[in-house]
Amino acid sequence: MFGIHEFWLFILSGLLLNITPGPDTAYIIGRSVQMGWRGGAAAALGICTGCLVHVFAAALGLSALLAASSVAFTVVKWAGAAYLCFIGIQLLLSRPGAMPSADAAPASDAISLRQVFWQGALTNVLNPKVALFFLAFLPQFVAADSPHKAAAFVLLGLIFIFNGMLWCLGVAAFAARAARSIRQSGHALLWINRALGGLFIYLGVRIALLQAR
């Protein structure tokens, strides 16, 4: 269908890629420990939303433009690096009283979850490496003579993201349950914020050093 071939190899490869620990997993675990399952789920959904943007970009050819244009690549790269470093510095400078809690009031909690979602989404959208990954990975399973390449890209991307979302939600649930007692300690939450801040800054620096290929 749509010129997709070696579908089961795609599923297996996608699952292995999804369960491989990386910065996204670290972010989800950090938010789960900090805010509970809802925080981890918001982070996971944000990350998957960012990946969805890249899938549609690949289907429309925008990722190819990003790979071919050094100017476009550089603009996205520096925008992503600046955003990540900004969020990282905010987390490093945060105080225990300003951190979200699992027992926060509903209105405050909703705002916090929204921020976590958009941070996860923008972290992926502004990372040109994610765009290049989908541009390199998905075409391997689409026939070169397929008349429906865009539809095949979207279908494979949706399957990849759906499987990844299930895994990430499971990680969030496990981390939240394991860290239930940690969330009662403001001092522990302060160090979790610092760890997340360091992670964001590390990702920002890594993106800034990324070179177009």
Protein backbone atom coordinates (compact mmCIF):
# COMPACT_ATOMS: atom_id res chain seq x y z
CA MET A 1 0.00 0.00 0.00
CA PHE A 2 1.33 3.45 -1.03
CA GLY A 3 4.53 1.74 -2.18
CA ILE A 4 5.62 0.80 1.37
CA HIS A 5 7.91 -2.22 1.49
CA GLU A 6 9.62 -4.22 4.29
CA PHE A 7 6.95 -3.01 6.69
CA TRP A 8 7.83 -5.39 9.51
CA LEU A 9 11.47 -4.36 9.29
CA PHE A 10 10.27 -0.78 9.65
CA ILE A 11 8.22 -1.68 12.74
CA LEU A 12 11.14 -3.52 14.33
CA SER A 13 13.63 -0.77 13.53
CA GLY A 14 11.23 1.89 14.82
CA LEU A 15 10.66 0.05 18.10
CA LEU A 16 14.39 -0.34 18.66
CA LEU A 17 14.93 3.35 17.96
CA ASN A 18 12.07 4.34 20.26
CA ILE A 19 13.32 2.35 23.25
CA THR A 20 16.91 3.55 22.88
CA PRO A 21 17.56 6.00 25.75
CA GLY A 22 18.26 9.56 24.69
CA PRO A 23 17.63 13.22 25.58
CA ASP A 24 13.87 12.87 25.00
CA THR A 25 13.70 9.98 27.45
CA ALA A 26 15.73 11.95 29.99
CA TYR A 27 13.35 14.91 29.64
CA ILE A 28 10.27 12.73 30.12
CA ILE A 29 11.77 11.03 33.18
CA GLY A 30 12.79 14.37 34.66
CA ARG A 31 9.31 15.86 34.25
CA SER A 32 7.71 12.65 35.60
CA VAL A 33 9.86 12.76 38.71
CA GLN A 34 9.22 16.48 39.12
CA MET A 35 5.48 16.65 38.41
CA GLY A 36 4.15 13.11 38.42
CA TRP A 37 2.64 11.11 35.58
CA ARG A 38 0.75 14.05 34.11
CA GLY A 39 3.97 16.03 33.76
CA GLY A 40 5.70 13.11 32.06
CA ALA A 41 2.72 12.50 29.80
CA ALA A 42 2.65 16.19 28.80
CA ALA A 43 6.35 16.01 27.97
CA ALA A 44 5.84 12.83 25.93
CA LEU A 45 2.90 14.27 23.99
CA GLY A 46 4.85 17.46 23.30
CA ILE A 47 7.82 15.52 21.96
CA CYS A 48 5.55 13.40 19.76
CA THR A 49 3.84 16.55 18.46
CA GLY A 50 7.22 17.96 17.50
CA CYS A 51 8.04 14.74 15.66
CA LEU A 52 4.69 14.97 13.87
CA VAL A 53 5.67 18.39 12.51
CA HIS A 54 8.87 16.89 11.09
CA VAL A 55 6.97 14.00 9.49
CA PHE A 56 4.66 16.37 7.60
CA ALA A 57 7.65 18.54 6.73
CA ALA A 58 9.39 15.50 5.26
CA ALA A 59 6.26 14.59 3.29
CA LEU A 60 6.01 18.13 1.89
CA GLY A 61 9.69 18.35 1.05
CA LEU A 62 10.55 20.99 3.66
CA SER A 63 13.07 18.71 5.34
CA ALA A 64 14.83 18.27 1.99
CA LEU A 65 15.02 22.05 1.73
CA LEU A 66 16.49 22.21 5.23
CA ALA A 67 19.09 19.61 4.28
CA ALA A 68 19.99 21.37 1.04
CA SER A 69 20.05 24.98 2.25
CA SER A 70 22.86 25.88 4.62
CA VAL A 71 21.12 29.19 5.44
CA ALA A 72 17.84 27.50 6.44
CA PHE A 73 19.75 24.88 8.41
CA THR A 74 21.75 27.55 10.27
CA VAL A 75 18.67 29.64 11.10
CA VAL A 76 16.78 26.68 12.55
CA LYS A 77 19.90 25.46 14.34
CA TRP A 78 20.60 28.74 16.14
CA ALA A 79 16.93 29.33 16.95
CA GLY A 80 16.74 25.89 18.54
CA ALA A 81 20.02 26.33 20.42
CA ALA A 82 18.97 29.72 21.80
CA TYR A 83 15.56 28.42 22.90
CA LEU A 84 17.01 25.38 24.66
CA CYS A 85 19.67 27.39 26.47
CA PHE A 86 17.04 29.95 27.54
CA ILE A 87 14.84 27.22 29.07
CA GLY A 88 17.89 25.61 30.66
CA ILE A 89 18.97 28.84 32.35
CA GLN A 90 15.43 29.40 33.63
CA LEU A 91 15.44 25.94 35.22
CA LEU A 92 18.88 26.43 36.74
CA LEU A 93 17.78 29.71 38.34
CA SER A 94 14.41 28.44 39.57
CA ARG A 95 13.68 28.28 43.30
CA PRO A 96 11.91 25.49 45.20
CA GLY A 97 8.87 27.69 45.86
CA ALA A 98 8.46 28.41 42.15
CA MET A 99 8.51 24.78 41.05
CA PRO A 100 5.31 22.97 40.07
CA SER A 101 4.06 20.33 42.46
CA ALA A 102 1.86 17.30 42.07
CA ASP A 103 -0.42 18.87 44.69
CA ALA A 104 -0.70 22.25 42.92
CA ALA A 105 -4.06 23.88 42.37
CA PRO A 106 -5.83 22.83 39.13
CA ALA A 107 -5.43 26.18 37.35
CA SER A 108 -1.73 26.47 38.17
CA ASP A 109 -1.17 22.84 37.28
CA ALA A 110 -2.83 23.28 33.87
CA ILE A 111 -0.49 26.16 33.03
CA SER A 112 2.53 24.12 34.09
CA LEU A 113 1.49 21.13 31.99
CA ARG A 114 0.93 23.39 28.99
CA GLN A 115 4.42 24.80 29.38
CA VAL A 116 5.91 21.31 29.65
CA PHE A 117 4.04 20.24 26.50
CA TRP A 118 5.24 23.20 24.43
CA GLN A 119 8.79 22.87 25.70
CA GLY A 120 8.85 19.26 24.52
CA ALA A 121 7.28 20.16 21.18
CA LEU A 122 9.57 23.11 20.45
CA THR A 123 12.63 21.14 21.53
CA ASN A 124 11.93 18.77 18.63
CA VAL A 125 10.59 21.28 16.10
CA LEU A 126 13.69 23.48 16.45
CA ASN A 127 16.12 20.57 16.23
CA PRO A 128 17.27 20.15 12.60
CA LYS A 129 18.79 16.79 13.52
CA VAL A 130 15.30 15.35 14.04
CA ALA A 131 14.22 16.65 10.62
CA LEU A 132 17.23 15.02 8.97
CA PHE A 133 16.55 11.76 10.83
CA PHE A 134 13.05 11.42 9.38
CA LEU A 135 14.32 12.48 5.97
CA ALA A 136 16.93 9.70 6.06
CA PHE A 137 14.91 6.97 7.82
CA LEU A 138 11.46 6.99 6.24
CA PRO A 139 12.45 6.88 2.52
CA GLN A 140 14.20 3.54 3.06
CA PHE A 141 10.77 1.90 3.30
CA VAL A 142 9.08 3.68 0.40
CA ALA A 143 9.49 2.44 -3.17
CA ALA A 144 11.28 4.91 -5.43
CA ASP A 145 8.55 4.60 -8.08
CA SER A 146 5.64 4.95 -5.64
CA PRO A 147 3.03 7.45 -6.91
CA HIS A 148 2.02 8.20 -3.30
CA LYS A 149 5.32 9.04 -1.63
CA ALA A 150 3.87 11.82 0.54
CA ALA A 151 1.07 9.59 1.82
CA ALA A 152 3.58 6.80 2.53
CA PHE A 153 5.80 9.24 4.45
CA VAL A 154 2.88 10.38 6.59
CA LEU A 155 1.60 6.86 7.25
CA LEU A 156 5.03 5.54 8.29
CA GLY A 157 5.66 8.63 10.38
CA LEU A 158 2.35 8.28 12.20
CA ILE A 159 3.07 4.62 12.98
CA PHE A 160 6.56 5.48 14.24
CA ILE A 161 5.25 8.29 16.44
CA PHE A 162 2.33 6.22 17.78
CA ASN A 163 4.65 3.40 18.85
CA GLY A 164 7.04 5.93 20.36
CA MET A 165 4.21 7.63 22.25
CA LEU A 166 3.13 4.35 23.85
CA TRP A 167 6.68 3.70 24.98
CA CYS A 168 7.16 7.24 26.31
CA LEU A 169 3.88 7.15 28.26
CA GLY A 170 5.00 3.87 29.81
CA VAL A 171 8.32 5.44 30.78
CA ALA A 172 6.47 8.41 32.29
CA ALA A 173 4.19 6.15 34.36
CA PHE A 174 7.10 4.05 35.64
CA ALA A 175 9.25 7.07 36.52
CA ALA A 176 6.37 8.86 38.27
CA ARG A 177 5.54 5.84 40.40
CA ALA A 178 9.18 5.20 41.28
CA ALA A 179 9.74 8.83 42.32
CA ARG A 180 6.55 9.43 44.28
CA SER A 181 8.42 10.04 47.53
CA ILE A 182 10.99 12.32 45.87
CA ARG A 183 8.30 14.82 44.90
CA GLN A 184 7.61 15.48 48.56
CA SER A 185 11.08 16.99 48.99
CA GLY A 186 11.57 20.57 47.81
CA HIS A 187 15.35 20.10 47.98
CA ALA A 188 15.20 17.06 45.69
CA LEU A 189 12.97 18.93 43.25
CA LEU A 190 15.48 21.77 43.17
CA TRP A 191 18.21 19.38 42.04
CA ILE A 192 15.87 17.79 39.50
CA ASN A 193 15.28 21.27 38.05
CA ARG A 194 19.01 21.83 37.89
CA ALA A 195 19.52 18.50 36.15
CA LEU A 196 16.81 19.37 33.59
CA GLY A 197 18.36 22.81 33.13
CA GLY A 198 21.73 21.22 32.48
CA LEU A 199 20.12 18.82 29.99
CA PHE A 200 18.52 21.67 28.05
CA ILE A 201 21.77 23.64 27.93
CA TYR A 202 23.65 20.52 26.80
CA LEU A 203 21.13 19.97 24.01
CA GLY A 204 21.36 23.62 23.01
CA VAL A 205 25.15 23.47 22.78
CA ARG A 206 24.97 20.20 20.85
CA ILE A 207 22.55 21.69 18.34
CA ALA A 208 24.72 24.81 18.00
CA LEU A 209 27.68 22.57 17.09
CA LEU A 210 25.63 20.53 14.61
CA GLN A 211 26.92 20.75 11.06
CA ALA A 212 24.83 20.39 7.91
CA ARG A 213 25.78 17.35 5.82
